[in-house]
C-alpha atoms as a PDB file:
ATOM      1  CA  UNK A   1       0.000   0.000   0.000  1.00  0.00           C
ATOM      2  CA  UNK A   2       1.390   3.409  -0.958  1.00  0.00           C
ATOM      3  CA  UNK A   3       1.132   6.417   1.319  1.00  0.00           C
ATOM      4  CA  UNK A   4      -0.466   9.539  -0.117  1.00  0.00           C
ATOM      5  CA  UNK A   5       0.750  13.104   0.443  1.00  0.00           C
ATOM      6  CA  UNK A   6      -2.391  13.707   2.519  1.00  0.00           C
ATOM      7  CA  UNK A   7      -1.663  10.655   4.669  1.00  0.00           C
ATOM      8  CA  UNK A   8       1.942  11.750   5.177  1.00  0.00           C
ATOM      9  CA  UNK A   9       0.832  15.269   6.142  1.00  0.00           C
ATOM     10  CA  UNK A  10      -1.743  13.931   8.619  1.00  0.00           C
ATOM     11  CA  UNK A  11       0.900  11.691  10.257  1.00  0.00           C
ATOM     12  CA  UNK A  12       3.434  14.554  10.442  1.00  0.00           C
ATOM     13  CA  UNK A  13       0.939  16.906  12.111  1.00  0.00           C
ATOM     14  CA  UNK A  14      -0.290  14.437  14.751  1.00  0.00           C
ATOM     15  CA  UNK A  15       1.097  15.162  18.192  1.00  0.00           C
ATOM     16  CA  UNK A  16       3.209  12.597  19.974  1.00  0.00           C
ATOM     17  CA  UNK A  17       1.215  13.419  23.135  1.00  0.00           C
ATOM     18  CA  UNK A  18      -2.028  12.313  21.471  1.00  0.00           C
ATOM     19  CA  UNK A  19      -0.626   8.883  20.591  1.00  0.00           C
ATOM     20  CA  UNK A  20       1.526   8.123  23.642  1.00  0.00           C
ATOM     21  CA  UNK A  21      -1.439   7.076  25.862  1.00  0.00           C
ATOM     22  CA  UNK A  22      -2.401   4.510  23.200  1.00  0.00           C
ATOM     23  CA  UNK A  23       1.133   3.123  23.276  1.00  0.00           C
ATOM     24  CA  UNK A  24       1.045   2.775  27.063  1.00  0.00           C
ATOM     25  CA  UNK A  25      -2.390   1.128  27.060  1.00  0.00           C
ATOM     26  CA  UNK A  26      -1.338  -1.328  24.356  1.00  0.00           C
ATOM     27  CA  UNK A  27       1.808  -2.510  26.081  1.00  0.00           C
ATOM     28  CA  UNK A  28       0.374  -2.554  29.625  1.00  0.00           C
ATOM     29  CA  UNK A  29      -2.584  -4.703  28.491  1.00  0.00           C
ATOM     30  CA  UNK A  30      -0.028  -7.260  27.354  1.00  0.00           C
ATOM     31  CA  UNK A  31       1.938  -7.201  30.618  1.00  0.00           C
ATOM     32  CA  UNK A  32       4.831  -5.020  29.496  1.00  0.00           C
ATOM     33  CA  UNK A  33       6.090  -2.055  31.510  1.00  0.00           C
ATOM     34  CA  UNK A  34       6.442   1.663  30.950  1.00  0.00           C
ATOM     35  CA  UNK A  35      10.172   1.263  31.559  1.00  0.00           C
ATOM     36  CA  UNK A  36      10.342  -1.114  28.592  1.00  0.00           C
ATOM     37  CA  UNK A  37       8.357   1.336  26.475  1.00  0.00           C
ATOM     38  CA  UNK A  38      10.736   4.160  27.397  1.00  0.00           C
ATOM     39  CA  UNK A  39      13.710   1.910  26.601  1.00  0.00           C
ATOM     40  CA  UNK A  40      12.339   1.109  23.138  1.00  0.00           C
ATOM     41  CA  UNK A  41      11.600   4.762  22.354  1.00  0.00           C
ATOM     42  CA  UNK A  42      15.027   5.843  23.615  1.00  0.00           C
ATOM     43  CA  UNK A  43      16.721   3.186  21.481  1.00  0.00           C
ATOM     44  CA  UNK A  44      14.968   4.492  18.365  1.00  0.00           C
ATOM     45  CA  UNK A  45      15.078   8.252  19.010  1.00  0.00           C
ATOM     46  CA  UNK A  46      17.721   8.956  21.648  1.00  0.00           C
ATOM     47  CA  UNK A  47      15.079  10.606  23.876  1.00  0.00           C
ATOM     48  CA  UNK A  48      15.230   9.578  27.533  1.00  0.00           C
ATOM     49  CA  UNK A  49      12.175   9.535  29.828  1.00  0.00           C
ATOM     50  CA  UNK A  50      12.627  13.161  30.961  1.00  0.00           C
ATOM     51  CA  UNK A  51      12.952  14.427  27.398  1.00  0.00           C
ATOM     52  CA  UNK A  52       9.894  12.417  26.326  1.00  0.00           C
ATOM     53  CA  UNK A  53       7.847  13.909  29.146  1.00  0.00           C
ATOM     54  CA  UNK A  54       8.991  17.381  28.064  1.00  0.00           C
ATOM     55  CA  UNK A  55       8.007  16.696  24.434  1.00  0.00           C
ATOM     56  CA  UNK A  56       4.622  15.370  25.569  1.00  0.00           C
ATOM     57  CA  UNK A  57       4.036  18.491  27.670  1.00  0.00           C
ATOM     58  CA  UNK A  58       4.962  20.700  24.693  1.00  0.00           C
ATOM     59  CA  UNK A  59       2.599  18.691  22.450  1.00  0.00           C
ATOM     60  CA  UNK A  60       5.154  18.448  19.651  1.00  0.00           C
ATOM     61  CA  UNK A  61       4.100  17.008  16.314  1.00  0.00           C
ATOM     62  CA  UNK A  62       5.628  13.807  14.993  1.00  0.00           C
ATOM     63  CA  UNK A  63       7.388  15.975  12.425  1.00  0.00           C
ATOM     64  CA  UNK A  64       9.179  17.956  15.159  1.00  0.00           C
ATOM     65  CA  UNK A  65       9.611  14.829  17.285  1.00  0.00           C
ATOM     66  CA  UNK A  66      11.578  13.016  14.579  1.00  0.00           C
ATOM     67  CA  UNK A  67      13.364  16.053  13.119  1.00  0.00           C
ATOM     68  CA  UNK A  68      15.035  16.577  16.504  1.00  0.00           C
ATOM     69  CA  UNK A  69      15.621  12.887  17.256  1.00  0.00           C
ATOM     70  CA  UNK A  70      18.895  11.060  16.822  1.00  0.00           C
ATOM     71  CA  UNK A  71      17.648   7.993  14.990  1.00  0.00           C
ATOM     72  CA  UNK A  72      19.398   4.754  15.857  1.00  0.00           C
ATOM     73  CA  UNK A  73      21.625   3.618  12.956  1.00  0.00           C
ATOM     74  CA  UNK A  74      20.021   0.161  13.187  1.00  0.00           C
ATOM     75  CA  UNK A  75      16.512   1.572  12.664  1.00  0.00           C
ATOM     76  CA  UNK A  76      16.697   0.500   9.020  1.00  0.00           C
ATOM     77  CA  UNK A  77      16.674  -3.095  10.282  1.00  0.00           C
ATOM     78  CA  UNK A  78      13.032  -2.585  11.278  1.00  0.00           C
ATOM     79  CA  UNK A  79      11.023  -4.190   8.509  1.00  0.00           C
ATOM     80  CA  UNK A  80       7.654  -5.772   7.960  1.00  0.00           C
ATOM     81  CA  UNK A  81       4.063  -4.632   7.760  1.00  0.00           C
ATOM     82  CA  UNK A  82       2.416  -2.261  10.218  1.00  0.00           C
ATOM     83  CA  UNK A  83      -0.985  -0.604   9.797  1.00  0.00           C
ATOM     84  CA  UNK A  84      -1.198  -2.109   6.305  1.00  0.00           C
ATOM     85  CA  UNK A  85       2.058  -0.543   5.109  1.00  0.00           C
ATOM     86  CA  UNK A  86       5.318  -2.358   4.345  1.00  0.00           C
ATOM     87  CA  UNK A  87       7.826  -0.240   6.250  1.00  0.00           C
ATOM     88  CA  UNK A  88      10.709  -0.707   3.846  1.00  0.00           C
ATOM     89  CA  UNK A  89       8.553   0.631   0.956  1.00  0.00           C
ATOM     90  CA  UNK A  90       7.577   3.900   2.678  1.00  0.00           C
ATOM     91  CA  UNK A  91       9.320   6.836   0.983  1.00  0.00           C
ATOM     92  CA  UNK A  92       8.344   9.733   3.274  1.00  0.00           C
ATOM     93  CA  UNK A  93      10.948   9.923   6.106  1.00  0.00           C
ATOM     94  CA  UNK A  94       8.564  11.108   8.861  1.00  0.00           C
ATOM     95  CA  UNK A  95       5.917   8.509   8.013  1.00  0.00           C
ATOM     96  CA  UNK A  96       8.587   5.809   7.885  1.00  0.00           C
ATOM     97  CA  UNK A  97       9.979   6.825  11.276  1.00  0.00           C
ATOM     98  CA  UNK A  98       6.510   6.848  12.846  1.00  0.00           C
ATOM     99  CA  UNK A  99       5.950   3.346  11.443  1.00  0.00           C
ATOM    100  CA  UNK A 100       9.331   2.261  12.878  1.00  0.00           C
ATOM    101  CA  UNK A 101       8.039   3.349  16.280  1.00  0.00           C
ATOM    102  CA  UNK A 102       4.674   1.661  15.735  1.00  0.00           C
ATOM    103  CA  UNK A 103       6.409  -1.596  14.761  1.00  0.00           C
ATOM    104  CA  UNK A 104       8.680  -1.565  17.824  1.00  0.00           C
ATOM    105  CA  UNK A 105       5.720  -0.976  20.138  1.00  0.00           C
ATOM    106  CA  UNK A 106       3.767  -3.720  18.383  1.00  0.00           C
ATOM    107  CA  UNK A 107       6.676  -6.131  18.915  1.00  0.00           C
ATOM    108  CA  UNK A 108       6.872  -5.107  22.582  1.00  0.00           C
ATOM    109  CA  UNK A 109       3.139  -5.730  23.037  1.00  0.00           C
ATOM    110  CA  UNK A 110       3.429  -9.112  21.336  1.00  0.00           C
ATOM    111  CA  UNK A 111       5.972 -10.247  23.924  1.00  0.00           C
ATOM    112  CA  UNK A 112       9.047 -10.253  21.724  1.00  0.00           C
ATOM    113  CA  UNK A 113      12.354 -10.358  23.601  1.00  0.00           C
ATOM    114  CA  UNK A 114      13.856  -6.937  24.205  1.00  0.00           C
ATOM    115  CA  UNK A 115      17.176  -7.807  22.577  1.00  0.00           C
ATOM    116  CA  UNK A 116      15.321  -8.736  19.375  1.00  0.00           C
ATOM    117  CA  UNK A 117      13.197  -5.589  19.475  1.00  0.00           C
ATOM    118  CA  UNK A 118      16.362  -3.512  19.836  1.00  0.00           C
ATOM    119  CA  UNK A 119      17.975  -5.371  16.932  1.00  0.00           C
ATOM    120  CA  UNK A 120      20.894  -6.658  19.016  1.00  0.00           C
ATOM    121  CA  UNK A 121      23.077  -9.553  17.890  1.00  0.00           C
END
C-alpha cells in the first residue's frame, strides 16, 4: 500500500502526546512495563524519559519529534508490515519513522524479547 501526500501530512501533524497514551495502554494490556516502552523509544530516538515527558508536555508534532531525534543507525533493520504498510517501501521519512516506532511498540506488546526488538546480535 502506498502512502499519499495527505496521509503523510496527517501523520506529520499528529502530536506525539495524542498517541503516547495509546502506546502505554497497548503494552500494559499485554503485561509489558512503561520502563520497557521508554527503553524502546530511547533506542529508536535517543530521547530519555525526561525528554519524552517534556516533548509530551509541549505537544510536539511527529514531524518535530523526529526532526530533533537522533535515529538509531540500526533503525533501518526494522522491517515488515504495520498498519497495512510495508515499512521498507515507505518513501516519506517522517511517516517511515513513525511506522518504525509503531512496529517496535507492536513487537513489545506481542511479547518479543527486548534484545530482538532492539535489533541486538
